[in-house]
Full PDB file with SEQRES, HELIX, SHEET, SSBOND, CRYST1, ORIGX, SCALE, CONECT and MASTER records, all heavy atoms in Angstrom:
SEQRES   1 A   30  ALA ALA PRO GLU LEU GLU ALA ALA VAL GLU GLU LEU ASP          
SEQRES   2 A   30  GLU ALA SER LEU GLU LYS VAL VAL MET ASP LEU GLU LYS          
SEQRES   3 A   30  LEU GLU TYR ILE                                              
HELIX    1 AA1 ALA A    2  GLU A   10  1                                   9    
HELIX    2 AA2 GLU A   14  SER A   16  5                                   3    
CRYST1    1.000    1.000    1.000  90.00  90.00  90.00 P 1           1          
ORIGX1      1.000000  0.000000  0.000000        0.00000                         
ORIGX2      0.000000  1.000000  0.000000        0.00000                         
ORIGX3      0.000000  0.000000  1.000000        0.00000                         
SCALE1      1.000000  0.000000  0.000000        0.00000                         
SCALE2      0.000000  1.000000  0.000000        0.00000                         
SCALE3      0.000000  0.000000  1.000000        0.00000                         
ATOM      1  N   ALA A   1     118.740  80.501 100.315  1.00  0.00           N  
ATOM      2  CA  ALA A   1     117.473  80.564  99.573  1.00  0.00           C  
ATOM      3  C   ALA A   1     116.561  81.701 100.030  1.00  0.00           C  
ATOM      4  O   ALA A   1     115.658  82.088  99.278  1.00  0.00           O  
ATOM      5  CB  ALA A   1     116.746  79.229  99.724  1.00  0.00           C  
ATOM      6  N   ALA A   2     116.774  82.225 101.240  1.00  0.00           N  
ATOM      7  CA  ALA A   2     115.889  83.257 101.760  1.00  0.00           C  
ATOM      8  C   ALA A   2     115.742  84.485 100.823  1.00  0.00           C  
ATOM      9  O   ALA A   2     114.643  85.007 100.666  1.00  0.00           O  
ATOM     10  CB  ALA A   2     116.369  83.688 103.157  1.00  0.00           C  
ATOM     11  N   PRO A   3     116.835  84.929 100.184  1.00  0.00           N  
ATOM     12  CA  PRO A   3     116.676  86.066  99.264  1.00  0.00           C  
ATOM     13  C   PRO A   3     115.727  85.774  98.075  1.00  0.00           C  
ATOM     14  O   PRO A   3     115.053  86.696  97.592  1.00  0.00           O  
ATOM     15  CB  PRO A   3     118.100  86.342  98.778  1.00  0.00           C  
ATOM     16  CG  PRO A   3     118.963  85.816  99.881  1.00  0.00           C  
ATOM     17  CD  PRO A   3     118.243  84.615 100.409  1.00  0.00           C  
ATOM     18  N   GLU A   4     115.642  84.513  97.674  1.00  0.00           N  
ATOM     19  CA  GLU A   4     114.711  84.151  96.601  1.00  0.00           C  
ATOM     20  C   GLU A   4     113.269  84.368  97.040  1.00  0.00           C  
ATOM     21  O   GLU A   4     112.456  84.898  96.266  1.00  0.00           O  
ATOM     22  CB  GLU A   4     114.871  82.674  96.215  1.00  0.00           C  
ATOM     23  CG  GLU A   4     116.168  82.340  95.534  1.00  0.00           C  
ATOM     24  CD  GLU A   4     116.262  80.839  95.259  1.00  0.00           C  
ATOM     25  OE1 GLU A   4     115.365  80.301  94.625  1.00  0.00           O  
ATOM     26  OE2 GLU A   4     117.255  80.246  95.699  1.00  0.00           O  
ATOM     27  N   LEU A   5     112.967  83.945  98.265  1.00  0.00           N  
ATOM     28  CA  LEU A   5     111.600  84.138  98.763  1.00  0.00           C  
ATOM     29  C   LEU A   5     111.335  85.624  98.976  1.00  0.00           C  
ATOM     30  O   LEU A   5     110.241  86.110  98.649  1.00  0.00           O  
ATOM     31  CB  LEU A   5     111.385  83.341 100.059  1.00  0.00           C  
ATOM     32  CG  LEU A   5     109.988  83.479 100.675  1.00  0.00           C  
ATOM     33  CD1 LEU A   5     108.898  83.060  99.667  1.00  0.00           C  
ATOM     34  CD2 LEU A   5     109.879  82.670 101.952  1.00  0.00           C  
ATOM     35  N   GLU A   6     112.312  86.323  99.505  1.00  0.00           N  
ATOM     36  CA  GLU A   6     112.153  87.778  99.688  1.00  0.00           C  
ATOM     37  C   GLU A   6     111.800  88.448  98.352  1.00  0.00           C  
ATOM     38  O   GLU A   6     110.873  89.261  98.293  1.00  0.00           O  
ATOM     39  CB  GLU A   6     113.427  88.371 100.261  1.00  0.00           C  
ATOM     40  CG  GLU A   6     113.341  89.858 100.473  1.00  0.00           C  
ATOM     41  CD  GLU A   6     114.617  90.438 101.078  1.00  0.00           C  
ATOM     42  OE1 GLU A   6     115.700  89.824 100.930  1.00  0.00           O  
ATOM     43  OE2 GLU A   6     114.528  91.531 101.678  1.00  0.00           O  
ATOM     44  N   ALA A   7     112.531  88.106  97.285  1.00  0.00           N  
ATOM     45  CA  ALA A   7     112.275  88.705  95.990  1.00  0.00           C  
ATOM     46  C   ALA A   7     110.886  88.332  95.447  1.00  0.00           C  
ATOM     47  O   ALA A   7     110.189  89.179  94.898  1.00  0.00           O  
ATOM     48  CB  ALA A   7     113.364  88.279  95.005  1.00  0.00           C  
ATOM     49  N   ALA A   8     110.503  87.061  95.648  1.00  0.00           N  
ATOM     50  CA  ALA A   8     109.192  86.613  95.146  1.00  0.00           C  
ATOM     51  C   ALA A   8     108.059  87.357  95.862  1.00  0.00           C  
ATOM     52  O   ALA A   8     107.074  87.744  95.233  1.00  0.00           O  
ATOM     53  CB  ALA A   8     109.041  85.100  95.379  1.00  0.00           C  
ATOM     54  N   VAL A   9     108.206  87.586  97.165  1.00  0.00           N  
ATOM     55  CA  VAL A   9     107.168  88.313  97.923  1.00  0.00           C  
ATOM     56  C   VAL A   9     107.183  89.794  97.560  1.00  0.00           C  
ATOM     57  O   VAL A   9     106.137  90.413  97.390  1.00  0.00           O  
ATOM     58  CB  VAL A   9     107.352  88.086  99.446  1.00  0.00           C  
ATOM     59  CG1 VAL A   9     106.432  89.008 100.224  1.00  0.00           C  
ATOM     60  CG2 VAL A   9     107.101  86.628  99.789  1.00  0.00           C  
ATOM     61  N   GLU A  10     108.356  90.356  97.403  1.00  0.00           N  
ATOM     62  CA  GLU A  10     108.461  91.785  97.081  1.00  0.00           C  
ATOM     63  C   GLU A  10     107.850  92.107  95.724  1.00  0.00           C  
ATOM     64  O   GLU A  10     107.296  93.201  95.537  1.00  0.00           O  
ATOM     65  CB  GLU A  10     109.933  92.250  97.104  1.00  0.00           C  
ATOM     66  CG  GLU A  10     110.431  92.497  98.500  1.00  0.00           C  
ATOM     67  CD  GLU A  10     109.631  93.503  99.278  1.00  0.00           C  
ATOM     68  OE1 GLU A  10     109.337  94.596  98.764  1.00  0.00           O  
ATOM     69  OE2 GLU A  10     109.297  93.216 100.450  1.00  0.00           O  
ATOM     70  N   GLU A  11     107.902  91.201  94.786  1.00  0.00           N  
ATOM     71  CA  GLU A  11     107.350  91.473  93.463  1.00  0.00           C  
ATOM     72  C   GLU A  11     105.815  91.358  93.419  1.00  0.00           C  
ATOM     73  O   GLU A  11     105.208  91.743  92.426  1.00  0.00           O  
ATOM     74  CB  GLU A  11     107.993  90.588  92.381  1.00  0.00           C  
ATOM     75  CG  GLU A  11     107.526  89.167  92.404  1.00  0.00           C  
ATOM     76  CD  GLU A  11     108.170  88.345  91.290  1.00  0.00           C  
ATOM     77  OE1 GLU A  11     109.225  88.722  90.778  1.00  0.00           O  
ATOM     78  OE2 GLU A  11     107.600  87.292  90.961  1.00  0.00           O  
ATOM     79  N   LEU A  12     105.221  90.851  94.477  1.00  0.00           N  
ATOM     80  CA  LEU A  12     103.746  90.737  94.517  1.00  0.00           C  
ATOM     81  C   LEU A  12     103.110  92.121  94.660  1.00  0.00           C  
ATOM     82  O   LEU A  12     103.552  92.932  95.460  1.00  0.00           O  
ATOM     83  CB  LEU A  12     103.323  89.835  95.669  1.00  0.00           C  
ATOM     84  CG  LEU A  12     103.755  88.381  95.642  1.00  0.00           C  
ATOM     85  CD1 LEU A  12     103.323  87.678  96.934  1.00  0.00           C  
ATOM     86  CD2 LEU A  12     103.226  87.666  94.408  1.00  0.00           C  
ATOM     87  N   ASP A  13     102.066  92.324  93.910  1.00  0.00           N  
ATOM     88  CA  ASP A  13     101.302  93.580  94.010  1.00  0.00           C  
ATOM     89  C   ASP A  13     100.105  93.303  94.914  1.00  0.00           C  
ATOM     90  O   ASP A  13      99.052  92.850  94.475  1.00  0.00           O  
ATOM     91  CB  ASP A  13     100.845  94.029  92.617  1.00  0.00           C  
ATOM     92  CG  ASP A  13      99.997  95.289  92.690  1.00  0.00           C  
ATOM     93  OD1 ASP A  13      99.997  95.982  93.726  1.00  0.00           O  
ATOM     94  OD2 ASP A  13      99.322  95.581  91.689  1.00  0.00           O  
ATOM     95  N   GLU A  14     100.309  93.511  96.216  1.00  0.00           N  
ATOM     96  CA  GLU A  14      99.288  93.130  97.183  1.00  0.00           C  
ATOM     97  C   GLU A  14      97.962  93.862  96.988  1.00  0.00           C  
ATOM     98  O   GLU A  14      96.915  93.387  97.365  1.00  0.00           O  
ATOM     99  CB  GLU A  14      99.792  93.270  98.611  1.00  0.00           C  
ATOM    100  CG  GLU A  14     100.101  94.687  99.072  1.00  0.00           C  
ATOM    101  CD  GLU A  14     101.542  95.112  98.851  1.00  0.00           C  
ATOM    102  OE1 GLU A  14     102.221  94.515  98.032  1.00  0.00           O  
ATOM    103  OE2 GLU A  14     101.930  96.085  99.498  1.00  0.00           O  
ATOM    104  N   ALA A  15      98.010  95.029  96.354  1.00  0.00           N  
ATOM    105  CA  ALA A  15      96.780  95.801  96.112  1.00  0.00           C  
ATOM    106  C   ALA A  15      95.854  95.085  95.140  1.00  0.00           C  
ATOM    107  O   ALA A  15      94.632  95.211  95.205  1.00  0.00           O  
ATOM    108  CB  ALA A  15      97.119  97.183  95.592  1.00  0.00           C  
ATOM    109  N   SER A  16      96.418  94.286  94.230  1.00  0.00           N  
ATOM    110  CA  SER A  16      95.607  93.596  93.230  1.00  0.00           C  
ATOM    111  C   SER A  16      95.263  92.166  93.622  1.00  0.00           C  
ATOM    112  O   SER A  16      94.600  91.450  92.887  1.00  0.00           O  
ATOM    113  CB  SER A  16      96.322  93.599  91.875  1.00  0.00           C  
ATOM    114  OG  SER A  16      97.480  92.805  91.953  1.00  0.00           O  
ATOM    115  N   LEU A  17      95.728  91.740  94.799  1.00  0.00           N  
ATOM    116  CA  LEU A  17      95.499  90.363  95.240  1.00  0.00           C  
ATOM    117  C   LEU A  17      94.526  90.288  96.413  1.00  0.00           C  
ATOM    118  O   LEU A  17      94.514  91.187  97.259  1.00  0.00           O  
ATOM    119  CB  LEU A  17      96.830  89.730  95.674  1.00  0.00           C  
ATOM    120  CG  LEU A  17      97.867  89.529  94.589  1.00  0.00           C  
ATOM    121  CD1 LEU A  17      99.203  89.135  95.219  1.00  0.00           C  
ATOM    122  CD2 LEU A  17      97.390  88.482  93.607  1.00  0.00           C  
ATOM    123  N   GLU A  18      93.770  89.231  96.435  1.00  0.00           N  
ATOM    124  CA  GLU A  18      92.893  88.961  97.587  1.00  0.00           C  
ATOM    125  C   GLU A  18      93.490  87.884  98.488  1.00  0.00           C  
ATOM    126  O   GLU A  18      93.178  87.826  99.671  1.00  0.00           O  
ATOM    127  CB  GLU A  18      91.495  88.540  97.116  1.00  0.00           C  
ATOM    128  CG  GLU A  18      90.749  89.692  96.460  1.00  0.00           C  
ATOM    129  CD  GLU A  18      89.329  89.312  96.047  1.00  0.00           C  
ATOM    130  OE1 GLU A  18      88.869  88.200  96.390  1.00  0.00           O  
ATOM    131  OE2 GLU A  18      88.719  90.137  95.363  1.00  0.00           O  
ATOM    132  N   LYS A  19      94.353  87.031  97.904  1.00  0.00           N  
ATOM    133  CA  LYS A  19      94.885  85.945  98.706  1.00  0.00           C  
ATOM    134  C   LYS A  19      96.241  85.495  98.161  1.00  0.00           C  
ATOM    135  O   LYS A  19      96.435  85.400  96.943  1.00  0.00           O  
ATOM    136  CB  LYS A  19      93.933  84.742  98.679  1.00  0.00           C  
ATOM    137  CG  LYS A  19      94.265  83.605  99.588  1.00  0.00           C  
ATOM    138  CD  LYS A  19      93.157  82.574  99.578  1.00  0.00           C  
ATOM    139  CE  LYS A  19      93.292  81.571 100.663  1.00  0.00           C  
ATOM    140  NZ  LYS A  19      92.197  80.591 100.672  1.00  0.00           N  
ATOM    141  N   VAL A  20      97.176  85.266  99.080  1.00  0.00           N  
ATOM    142  CA  VAL A  20      98.497  84.692  98.744  1.00  0.00           C  
ATOM    143  C   VAL A  20      98.649  83.441  99.614  1.00  0.00           C  
ATOM    144  O   VAL A  20      98.555  83.521 100.844  1.00  0.00           O  
ATOM    145  CB  VAL A  20      99.636  85.684  99.009  1.00  0.00           C  
ATOM    146  CG1 VAL A  20     100.977  85.020  98.749  1.00  0.00           C  
ATOM    147  CG2 VAL A  20      99.463  86.931  98.161  1.00  0.00           C  
ATOM    148  N   VAL A  21      98.857  82.320  98.956  1.00  0.00           N  
ATOM    149  CA  VAL A  21      99.036  81.037  99.646  1.00  0.00           C  
ATOM    150  C   VAL A  21     100.490  80.622  99.559  1.00  0.00           C  
ATOM    151  O   VAL A  21     101.067  80.591  98.473  1.00  0.00           O  
ATOM    152  CB  VAL A  21      98.153  79.939  99.022  1.00  0.00           C  
ATOM    153  CG1 VAL A  21      98.404  78.599  99.690  1.00  0.00           C  
ATOM    154  CG2 VAL A  21      96.685  80.321  99.094  1.00  0.00           C  
ATOM    155  N   MET A  22     101.072  80.285 100.709  1.00  0.00           N  
ATOM    156  CA  MET A  22     102.386  79.654 100.720  1.00  0.00           C  
ATOM    157  C   MET A  22     102.176  78.201 101.013  1.00  0.00           C  
ATOM    158  O   MET A  22     101.762  77.828 102.109  1.00  0.00           O  
ATOM    159  CB  MET A  22     103.314  80.302 101.755  1.00  0.00           C  
ATOM    160  CG  MET A  22     103.954  81.536 101.249  1.00  0.00           C  
ATOM    161  SD  MET A  22     105.484  81.890 102.078  1.00  0.00           S  
ATOM    162  CE  MET A  22     105.537  83.637 101.825  1.00  0.00           C  
ATOM    163  N   ASP A  23     102.415  77.388 100.019  1.00  0.00           N  
ATOM    164  CA  ASP A  23     102.240  75.963 100.118  1.00  0.00           C  
ATOM    165  C   ASP A  23     103.565  75.335 100.558  1.00  0.00           C  
ATOM    166  O   ASP A  23     104.551  75.398  99.843  1.00  0.00           O  
ATOM    167  CB  ASP A  23     101.801  75.360  98.771  1.00  0.00           C  
ATOM    168  CG  ASP A  23     101.420  73.910  98.858  1.00  0.00           C  
ATOM    169  OD1 ASP A  23     101.908  73.201  99.752  1.00  0.00           O  
ATOM    170  OD2 ASP A  23     100.621  73.476  98.008  1.00  0.00           O  
ATOM    171  N   LEU A  24     103.579  74.751 101.742  1.00  0.00           N  
ATOM    172  CA  LEU A  24     104.817  74.216 102.328  1.00  0.00           C  
ATOM    173  C   LEU A  24     104.909  72.695 102.270  1.00  0.00           C  
ATOM    174  O   LEU A  24     105.756  72.095 102.943  1.00  0.00           O  
ATOM    175  CB  LEU A  24     104.929  74.693 103.791  1.00  0.00           C  
ATOM    176  CG  LEU A  24     104.794  76.183 104.040  1.00  0.00           C  
ATOM    177  CD1 LEU A  24     105.036  76.486 105.518  1.00  0.00           C  
ATOM    178  CD2 LEU A  24     105.711  76.983 103.161  1.00  0.00           C  
ATOM    179  N   GLU A  25     104.072  72.070 101.452  1.00  0.00           N  
ATOM    180  CA  GLU A  25     104.037  70.614 101.387  1.00  0.00           C  
ATOM    181  C   GLU A  25     105.419  70.027 101.065  1.00  0.00           C  
ATOM    182  O   GLU A  25     105.789  68.978 101.612  1.00  0.00           O  
ATOM    183  CB  GLU A  25     103.054  70.159 100.308  1.00  0.00           C  
ATOM    184  CG  GLU A  25     102.943  68.658 100.193  1.00  0.00           C  
ATOM    185  CD  GLU A  25     101.903  68.216  99.185  1.00  0.00           C  
ATOM    186  OE1 GLU A  25     101.471  69.020  98.355  1.00  0.00           O  
ATOM    187  OE2 GLU A  25     101.515  67.033  99.268  1.00  0.00           O  
ATOM    188  N   LYS A  26     106.201  70.685 100.234  1.00  0.00           N  
ATOM    189  CA  LYS A  26     107.495  70.149  99.823  1.00  0.00           C  
ATOM    190  C   LYS A  26     108.686  70.883 100.454  1.00  0.00           C  
ATOM    191  O   LYS A  26     109.808  70.723 100.029  1.00  0.00           O  
ATOM    192  CB  LYS A  26     107.596  70.155  98.316  1.00  0.00           C  
ATOM    193  CG  LYS A  26     106.566  69.234  97.675  1.00  0.00           C  
ATOM    194  CD  LYS A  26     106.682  69.166  96.204  1.00  0.00           C  
ATOM    195  CE  LYS A  26     105.622  68.221  95.664  1.00  0.00           C  
ATOM    196  NZ  LYS A  26     105.682  68.100  94.215  1.00  0.00           N  
ATOM    197  N   LEU A  27     108.395  71.688 101.478  1.00  0.00           N  
ATOM    198  CA  LEU A  27     109.472  72.366 102.197  1.00  0.00           C  
ATOM    199  C   LEU A  27     110.027  71.376 103.215  1.00  0.00           C  
ATOM    200  O   LEU A  27     109.352  70.883 104.080  1.00  0.00           O  
ATOM    201  CB  LEU A  27     108.930  73.608 102.931  1.00  0.00           C  
ATOM    202  CG  LEU A  27     109.990  74.444 103.633  1.00  0.00           C  
ATOM    203  CD1 LEU A  27     110.949  75.070 102.622  1.00  0.00           C  
ATOM    204  CD2 LEU A  27     109.325  75.532 104.463  1.00  0.00           C  
ATOM    205  N   GLU A  28     111.334  71.087 103.078  1.00  0.00           N  
ATOM    206  CA  GLU A  28     111.972  70.085 103.912  1.00  0.00           C  
ATOM    207  C   GLU A  28     112.640  70.651 105.158  1.00  0.00           C  
ATOM    208  O   GLU A  28     112.778  69.970 106.157  1.00  0.00           O  
ATOM    209  CB  GLU A  28     113.051  69.361 103.086  1.00  0.00           C  
ATOM    210  CG  GLU A  28     112.510  68.649 101.869  1.00  0.00           C  
ATOM    211  CD  GLU A  28     113.610  68.147 100.942  1.00  0.00           C  
ATOM    212  OE1 GLU A  28     114.781  68.116 101.359  1.00  0.00           O  
ATOM    213  OE2 GLU A  28     113.275  67.813  99.813  1.00  0.00           O  
ATOM    214  N   TYR A  29     113.065  71.925 105.073  1.00  0.00           N  
ATOM    215  CA  TYR A  29     113.846  72.519 106.168  1.00  0.00           C  
ATOM    216  C   TYR A  29     113.679  74.027 106.121  1.00  0.00           C  
ATOM    217  O   TYR A  29     113.541  74.608 105.047  1.00  0.00           O  
ATOM    218  CB  TYR A  29     115.342  72.179 105.968  1.00  0.00           C  
ATOM    219  CG  TYR A  29     116.254  72.912 106.905  1.00  0.00           C  
ATOM    220  CD1 TYR A  29     116.453  72.473 108.208  1.00  0.00           C  
ATOM    221  CD2 TYR A  29     116.943  74.048 106.476  1.00  0.00           C  
ATOM    222  CE1 TYR A  29     117.317  73.168 109.077  1.00  0.00           C  
ATOM    223  CE2 TYR A  29     117.780  74.738 107.339  1.00  0.00           C  
ATOM    224  CZ  TYR A  29     117.964  74.288 108.617  1.00  0.00           C  
ATOM    225  OH  TYR A  29     118.794  74.970 109.476  1.00  0.00           O  
ATOM    226  N   ILE A  30     113.668  74.648 107.296  1.00  0.00           N  
ATOM    227  CA  ILE A  30     113.628  76.103 107.388  1.00  0.00           C  
ATOM    228  C   ILE A  30     114.607  76.566 108.451  1.00  0.00           C  
ATOM    229  O   ILE A  30     114.650  76.003 109.542  1.00  0.00           O  
ATOM    230  CB  ILE A  30     112.222  76.631 107.644  1.00  0.00           C  
ATOM    231  CG1 ILE A  30     112.172  78.153 107.521  1.00  0.00           C  
ATOM    232  CG2 ILE A  30     111.674  76.158 108.970  1.00  0.00           C  
ATOM    233  CD1 ILE A  30     110.772  78.724 107.440  1.00  0.00           C  
TER     234      ILE A  30                                                      
MASTER        0    0    0    2    0    0    0    6  233    1    0    3          
END                                                                             
């Protein structure tokens, strides 16, 4: 699953964002 998160983060345009939240409430394992 790590490549999915990598792709999701890479597609973010950090210049246009003020905040990125990673909600881990339903993350069962890392």
